[in-house]
């Protein structure tokens, strides 16, 4: 769902993954042109998901 938002409403997607400062940057990118804002949002969402996967793997290794 975050990836779909990243394409259509990039600032909202970045804000939903907990990056308010990057959401402001993304808003200005989105105002300039739609494509740079969407690309930035997809990268931020992808990084967020990778961080969650890594934390889950570390937690499983500690058990």
PDB file of N, CA and C in Angstrom:
ATOM      1  N   UNK A   1       0.817  -1.191   0.000  1.00  0.00           N
ATOM      2  CA  UNK A   1       0.000   0.000   0.000  1.00  0.00           C
ATOM      3  C   UNK A   1       0.865   1.261   0.000  1.00  0.00           C
ATOM      4  N   UNK A   2       1.996   1.205   0.701  1.00  0.00           N
ATOM      5  CA  UNK A   2       2.856   2.380   0.739  1.00  0.00           C
ATOM      6  C   UNK A   2       3.415   2.713  -0.637  1.00  0.00           C
ATOM      7  N   UNK A   3       3.686   1.682  -1.439  1.00  0.00           N
ATOM      8  CA  UNK A   3       4.230   1.942  -2.775  1.00  0.00           C
ATOM      9  C   UNK A   3       3.192   2.614  -3.670  1.00  0.00           C
ATOM     10  N   UNK A   4       1.944   2.230  -3.517  1.00  0.00           N
ATOM     11  CA  UNK A   4       0.879   2.862  -4.305  1.00  0.00           C
ATOM     12  C   UNK A   4       0.734   4.329  -3.919  1.00  0.00           C
ATOM     13  N   UNK A   5       0.785   4.602  -2.630  1.00  0.00           N
ATOM     14  CA  UNK A   5       0.746   5.992  -2.175  1.00  0.00           C
ATOM     15  C   UNK A   5       1.969   6.759  -2.658  1.00  0.00           C
ATOM     16  N   UNK A   6       3.117   6.086  -2.708  1.00  0.00           N
ATOM     17  CA  UNK A   6       4.345   6.744  -3.151  1.00  0.00           C
ATOM     18  C   UNK A   6       4.236   7.214  -4.596  1.00  0.00           C
ATOM     19  N   UNK A   7       3.425   6.545  -5.374  1.00  0.00           N
ATOM     20  CA  UNK A   7       3.259   6.943  -6.767  1.00  0.00           C
ATOM     21  C   UNK A   7       2.243   8.080  -6.901  1.00  0.00           C
ATOM     22  N   UNK A   8       1.120   7.975  -6.202  1.00  0.00           N
ATOM     23  CA  UNK A   8       0.049   8.945  -6.386  1.00  0.00           C
ATOM     24  C   UNK A   8       0.098  10.125  -5.419  1.00  0.00           C
ATOM     25  N   UNK A   9       0.490   9.899  -4.168  1.00  0.00           N
ATOM     26  CA  UNK A   9       0.608  10.969  -3.170  1.00  0.00           C
ATOM     27  C   UNK A   9       1.936  10.815  -2.426  1.00  0.00           C
ATOM     28  N   UNK A  10       3.033  11.143  -3.078  1.00  0.00           N
ATOM     29  CA  UNK A  10       4.351  10.894  -2.493  1.00  0.00           C
ATOM     30  C   UNK A  10       4.573  11.492  -1.101  1.00  0.00           C
ATOM     31  N   UNK A  11       4.206  12.752  -0.831  1.00  0.00           N
ATOM     32  CA  UNK A  11       4.461  13.283   0.515  1.00  0.00           C
ATOM     33  C   UNK A  11       3.726  12.507   1.621  1.00  0.00           C
ATOM     34  N   UNK A  12       2.543  12.029   1.325  1.00  0.00           N
ATOM     35  CA  UNK A  12       1.769  11.270   2.311  1.00  0.00           C
ATOM     36  C   UNK A  12       2.461   9.942   2.613  1.00  0.00           C
ATOM     37  N   UNK A  13       2.971   9.290   1.582  1.00  0.00           N
ATOM     38  CA  UNK A  13       3.660   8.013   1.776  1.00  0.00           C
ATOM     39  C   UNK A  13       4.904   8.191   2.633  1.00  0.00           C
ATOM     40  N   UNK A  14       5.660   9.244   2.385  1.00  0.00           N
ATOM     41  CA  UNK A  14       6.881   9.498   3.164  1.00  0.00           C
ATOM     42  C   UNK A  14       6.517   9.827   4.607  1.00  0.00           C
ATOM     43  N   UNK A  15       5.459  10.566   4.795  1.00  0.00           N
ATOM     44  CA  UNK A  15       5.010  10.900   6.148  1.00  0.00           C
ATOM     45  C   UNK A  15       4.525   9.653   6.892  1.00  0.00           C
ATOM     46  N   UNK A  16       3.877   8.739   6.192  1.00  0.00           N
ATOM     47  CA  UNK A  16       3.355   7.524   6.830  1.00  0.00           C
ATOM     48  C   UNK A  16       4.453   6.587   7.314  1.00  0.00           C
ATOM     49  N   UNK A  17       5.633   6.645   6.699  1.00  0.00           N
ATOM     50  CA  UNK A  17       6.719   5.780   7.167  1.00  0.00           C
ATOM     51  C   UNK A  17       7.538   6.453   8.261  1.00  0.00           C
ATOM     52  N   UNK A  18       7.104   7.633   8.701  1.00  0.00           N
ATOM     53  CA  UNK A  18       7.724   8.274   9.854  1.00  0.00           C
ATOM     54  C   UNK A  18       8.913   9.149   9.542  1.00  0.00           C
ATOM     55  N   UNK A  19       8.907   9.798   8.408  1.00  0.00           N
ATOM     56  CA  UNK A  19      10.012  10.690   8.024  1.00  0.00           C
ATOM     57  C   UNK A  19       9.460  12.085   7.716  1.00  0.00           C
ATOM     58  N   UNK A  20       9.142  12.885   8.749  1.00  0.00           N
ATOM     59  CA  UNK A  20       8.490  14.178   8.507  1.00  0.00           C
ATOM     60  C   UNK A  20       9.375  15.197   7.771  1.00  0.00           C
ATOM     61  N   UNK A  21      10.669  15.225   8.052  1.00  0.00           N
ATOM     62  CA  UNK A  21      11.536  16.197   7.370  1.00  0.00           C
ATOM     63  C   UNK A  21      11.688  15.828   5.900  1.00  0.00           C
ATOM     64  N   UNK A  22      11.829  14.533   5.626  1.00  0.00           N
ATOM     65  CA  UNK A  22      11.904  14.102   4.235  1.00  0.00           C
ATOM     66  C   UNK A  22      10.569  14.299   3.525  1.00  0.00           C
ATOM     67  N   UNK A  23       9.469  14.285   4.269  1.00  0.00           N
ATOM     68  CA  UNK A  23       8.159  14.535   3.663  1.00  0.00           C
ATOM     69  C   UNK A  23       8.066  15.978   3.170  1.00  0.00           C
ATOM     70  N   UNK A  24       8.660  16.902   3.926  1.00  0.00           N
ATOM     71  CA  UNK A  24       8.664  18.307   3.491  1.00  0.00           C
ATOM     72  C   UNK A  24       9.498  18.444   2.220  1.00  0.00           C
ATOM     73  N   UNK A  25      10.677  17.823   2.203  1.00  0.00           N
ATOM     74  CA  UNK A  25      11.518  17.834   1.004  1.00  0.00           C
ATOM     75  C   UNK A  25      10.772  17.209  -0.162  1.00  0.00           C
ATOM     76  N   UNK A  26      10.101  16.109   0.100  1.00  0.00           N
ATOM     77  CA  UNK A  26       9.357  15.431  -0.948  1.00  0.00           C
ATOM     78  C   UNK A  26       8.213  16.293  -1.466  1.00  0.00           C
ATOM     79  N   UNK A  27       7.592  17.050  -0.598  1.00  0.00           N
ATOM     80  CA  UNK A  27       6.507  17.931  -1.026  1.00  0.00           C
ATOM     81  C   UNK A  27       7.002  18.947  -2.051  1.00  0.00           C
ATOM     82  N   UNK A  28       8.188  19.518  -1.792  1.00  0.00           N
ATOM     83  CA  UNK A  28       8.732  20.484  -2.749  1.00  0.00           C
ATOM     84  C   UNK A  28       9.162  19.811  -4.053  1.00  0.00           C
ATOM     85  N   UNK A  29       9.699  18.610  -3.949  1.00  0.00           N
ATOM     86  CA  UNK A  29      10.015  17.861  -5.179  1.00  0.00           C
ATOM     87  C   UNK A  29       8.745  17.565  -5.968  1.00  0.00           C
ATOM     88  N   UNK A  30       7.702  17.222  -5.253  1.00  0.00           N
ATOM     89  CA  UNK A  30       6.424  16.902  -5.887  1.00  0.00           C
ATOM     90  C   UNK A  30       5.812  18.137  -6.547  1.00  0.00           C
ATOM     91  N   UNK A  31       6.009  19.310  -5.925  1.00  0.00           N
ATOM     92  CA  UNK A  31       5.500  20.539  -6.531  1.00  0.00           C
ATOM     93  C   UNK A  31       6.239  20.889  -7.822  1.00  0.00           C
ATOM     94  N   UNK A  32       7.551  20.626  -7.818  1.00  0.00           N
ATOM     95  CA  UNK A  32       8.326  20.916  -9.026  1.00  0.00           C
ATOM     96  C   UNK A  32       7.855  20.048 -10.190  1.00  0.00           C
ATOM     97  N   UNK A  33       7.905  18.791  -9.973  1.00  0.00           N
ATOM     98  CA  UNK A  33       7.447  17.811 -10.959  1.00  0.00           C
ATOM     99  C   UNK A  33       6.981  16.578 -10.211  1.00  0.00           C
ATOM    100  N   UNK A  34       6.078  15.873 -10.781  1.00  0.00           N
ATOM    101  CA  UNK A  34       5.500  14.710 -10.127  1.00  0.00           C
ATOM    102  C   UNK A  34       6.504  13.558 -10.044  1.00  0.00           C
ATOM    103  N   UNK A  35       7.299  13.360 -11.098  1.00  0.00           N
ATOM    104  CA  UNK A  35       8.198  12.214 -11.171  1.00  0.00           C
ATOM    105  C   UNK A  35       9.296  12.235 -10.100  1.00  0.00           C
ATOM    106  N   UNK A  36      10.030  13.334  -9.891  1.00  0.00           N
ATOM    107  CA  UNK A  36      11.060  13.303  -8.841  1.00  0.00           C
ATOM    108  C   UNK A  36      10.493  13.031  -7.450  1.00  0.00           C
ATOM    109  N   UNK A  37       9.336  13.580  -7.164  1.00  0.00           N
ATOM    110  CA  UNK A  37       8.704  13.325  -5.874  1.00  0.00           C
ATOM    111  C   UNK A  37       8.334  11.864  -5.704  1.00  0.00           C
ATOM    112  N   UNK A  38       7.835  11.257  -6.759  1.00  0.00           N
ATOM    113  CA  UNK A  38       7.463   9.842  -6.697  1.00  0.00           C
ATOM    114  C   UNK A  38       8.688   8.949  -6.538  1.00  0.00           C
ATOM    115  N   UNK A  39       9.743   9.256  -7.270  1.00  0.00           N
ATOM    116  CA  UNK A  39      10.969   8.461  -7.166  1.00  0.00           C
ATOM    117  C   UNK A  39      11.541   8.566  -5.756  1.00  0.00           C
ATOM    118  N   UNK A  40      11.588   9.764  -5.222  1.00  0.00           N
ATOM    119  CA  UNK A  40      12.105   9.954  -3.861  1.00  0.00           C
ATOM    120  C   UNK A  40      11.252   9.186  -2.854  1.00  0.00           C
ATOM    121  N   UNK A  41       9.940   9.254  -3.006  1.00  0.00           N
ATOM    122  CA  UNK A  41       9.045   8.559  -2.073  1.00  0.00           C
ATOM    123  C   UNK A  41       9.232   7.049  -2.158  1.00  0.00           C
ATOM    124  N   UNK A  42       9.384   6.511  -3.347  1.00  0.00           N
ATOM    125  CA  UNK A  42       9.593   5.070  -3.502  1.00  0.00           C
ATOM    126  C   UNK A  42      10.891   4.651  -2.825  1.00  0.00           C
ATOM    127  N   UNK A  43      11.938   5.461  -2.974  1.00  0.00           N
ATOM    128  CA  UNK A  43      13.218   5.144  -2.333  1.00  0.00           C
ATOM    129  C   UNK A  43      13.105   5.190  -0.810  1.00  0.00           C
ATOM    130  N   UNK A  44      12.385   6.166  -0.284  1.00  0.00           N
ATOM    131  CA  UNK A  44      12.223   6.280   1.167  1.00  0.00           C
ATOM    132  C   UNK A  44      11.404   5.105   1.708  1.00  0.00           C
ATOM    133  N   UNK A  45      10.333   4.757   1.024  1.00  0.00           N
ATOM    134  CA  UNK A  45       9.502   3.626   1.463  1.00  0.00           C
ATOM    135  C   UNK A  45      10.304   2.329   1.395  1.00  0.00           C
ATOM    136  N   UNK A  46      11.078   2.153   0.343  1.00  0.00           N
ATOM    137  CA  UNK A  46      11.902   0.950   0.206  1.00  0.00           C
ATOM    138  C   UNK A  46      12.929   0.860   1.337  1.00  0.00           C
ATOM    139  N   UNK A  47      13.549   1.988   1.681  1.00  0.00           N
ATOM    140  CA  UNK A  47      14.513   2.010   2.785  1.00  0.00           C
ATOM    141  C   UNK A  47      13.836   1.651   4.108  1.00  0.00           C
ATOM    142  N   UNK A  48      12.649   2.174   4.321  1.00  0.00           N
ATOM    143  CA  UNK A  48      11.901   1.879   5.544  1.00  0.00           C
ATOM    144  C   UNK A  48      11.603   0.379   5.656  1.00  0.00           C
ATOM    145  N   UNK A  49      11.158  -0.211   4.556  1.00  0.00           N
ATOM    146  CA  UNK A  49      10.847  -1.642   4.570  1.00  0.00           C
ATOM    147  C   UNK A  49      12.108  -2.475   4.778  1.00  0.00           C
ATOM    148  N   UNK A  50      13.225  -2.054   4.208  1.00  0.00           N
ATOM    149  CA  UNK A  50      14.486  -2.777   4.402  1.00  0.00           C
ATOM    150  C   UNK A  50      14.933  -2.687   5.861  1.00  0.00           C
ATOM    151  N   UNK A  51      14.756  -1.529   6.480  1.00  0.00           N
ATOM    152  CA  UNK A  51      15.096  -1.379   7.903  1.00  0.00           C
ATOM    153  C   UNK A  51      14.257  -2.304   8.772  1.00  0.00           C
ATOM    154  N   UNK A  52      12.960  -2.399   8.464  1.00  0.00           N
ATOM    155  CA  UNK A  52      12.090  -3.286   9.233  1.00  0.00           C
ATOM    156  C   UNK A  52      12.508  -4.745   9.078  1.00  0.00           C
ATOM    157  N   UNK A  53      12.875  -5.139   7.848  1.00  0.00           N
ATOM    158  CA  UNK A  53      13.330  -6.516   7.626  1.00  0.00           C
ATOM    159  C   UNK A  53      14.604  -6.800   8.411  1.00  0.00           C
ATOM    160  N   UNK A  54      15.531  -5.843   8.395  1.00  0.00           N
ATOM    161  CA  UNK A  54      16.800  -6.030   9.088  1.00  0.00           C
ATOM    162  C   UNK A  54      16.579  -6.157  10.597  1.00  0.00           C
ATOM    163  N   UNK A  55      15.733  -5.316  11.162  1.00  0.00           N
ATOM    164  CA  UNK A  55      15.447  -5.401  12.598  1.00  0.00           C
ATOM    165  C   UNK A  55      14.819  -6.735  12.954  1.00  0.00           C
ATOM    166  N   UNK A  56      13.952  -7.230  12.097  1.00  0.00           N
ATOM    167  CA  UNK A  56      13.309  -8.521  12.337  1.00  0.00           C
ATOM    168  C   UNK A  56      14.343  -9.648  12.297  1.00  0.00           C
ATOM    169  N   UNK A  57      15.282  -9.576  11.349  1.00  0.00           N
ATOM    170  CA  UNK A  57      16.316 -10.609  11.249  1.00  0.00           C
ATOM    171  C   UNK A  57      17.241 -10.567  12.469  1.00  0.00           C
ATOM    172  N   UNK A  58      17.603  -9.377  12.923  1.00  0.00           N
ATOM    173  CA  UNK A  58      18.469  -9.261  14.094  1.00  0.00           C
ATOM    174  C   UNK A  58      17.761  -9.820  15.322  1.00  0.00           C
ATOM    175  N   UNK A  59      16.477  -9.529  15.437  1.00  0.00           N
ATOM    176  CA  UNK A  59      15.710 -10.033  16.579  1.00  0.00           C
ATOM    177  C   UNK A  59      15.649 -11.565  16.560  1.00  0.00           C
ATOM    178  N   UNK A  60      15.504 -12.127  15.365  1.00  0.00           N
ATOM    179  CA  UNK A  60      15.448 -13.593  15.245  1.00  0.00           C
ATOM    180  C   UNK A  60      16.813 -14.222  15.570  1.00  0.00           C
ATOM    181  N   UNK A  61      17.897 -13.538  15.221  1.00  0.00           N
ATOM    182  CA  UNK A  61      19.230 -14.065  15.496  1.00  0.00           C
ATOM    183  C   UNK A  61      19.549 -14.049  16.986  1.00  0.00           C
ATOM    184  N   UNK A  62      19.011 -13.066  17.722  1.00  0.00           N
ATOM    185  CA  UNK A  62      19.267 -12.961  19.151  1.00  0.00           C
ATOM    186  C   UNK A  62      18.512 -14.030  19.939  1.00  0.00           C
ATOM    187  N   UNK A  63      17.434 -14.517  19.382  1.00  0.00           N
ATOM    188  CA  UNK A  63      16.615 -15.511  20.098  1.00  0.00           C
ATOM    189  C   UNK A  63      17.280 -16.852  20.169  1.00  0.00           C
TER     190      UNK A  63
END
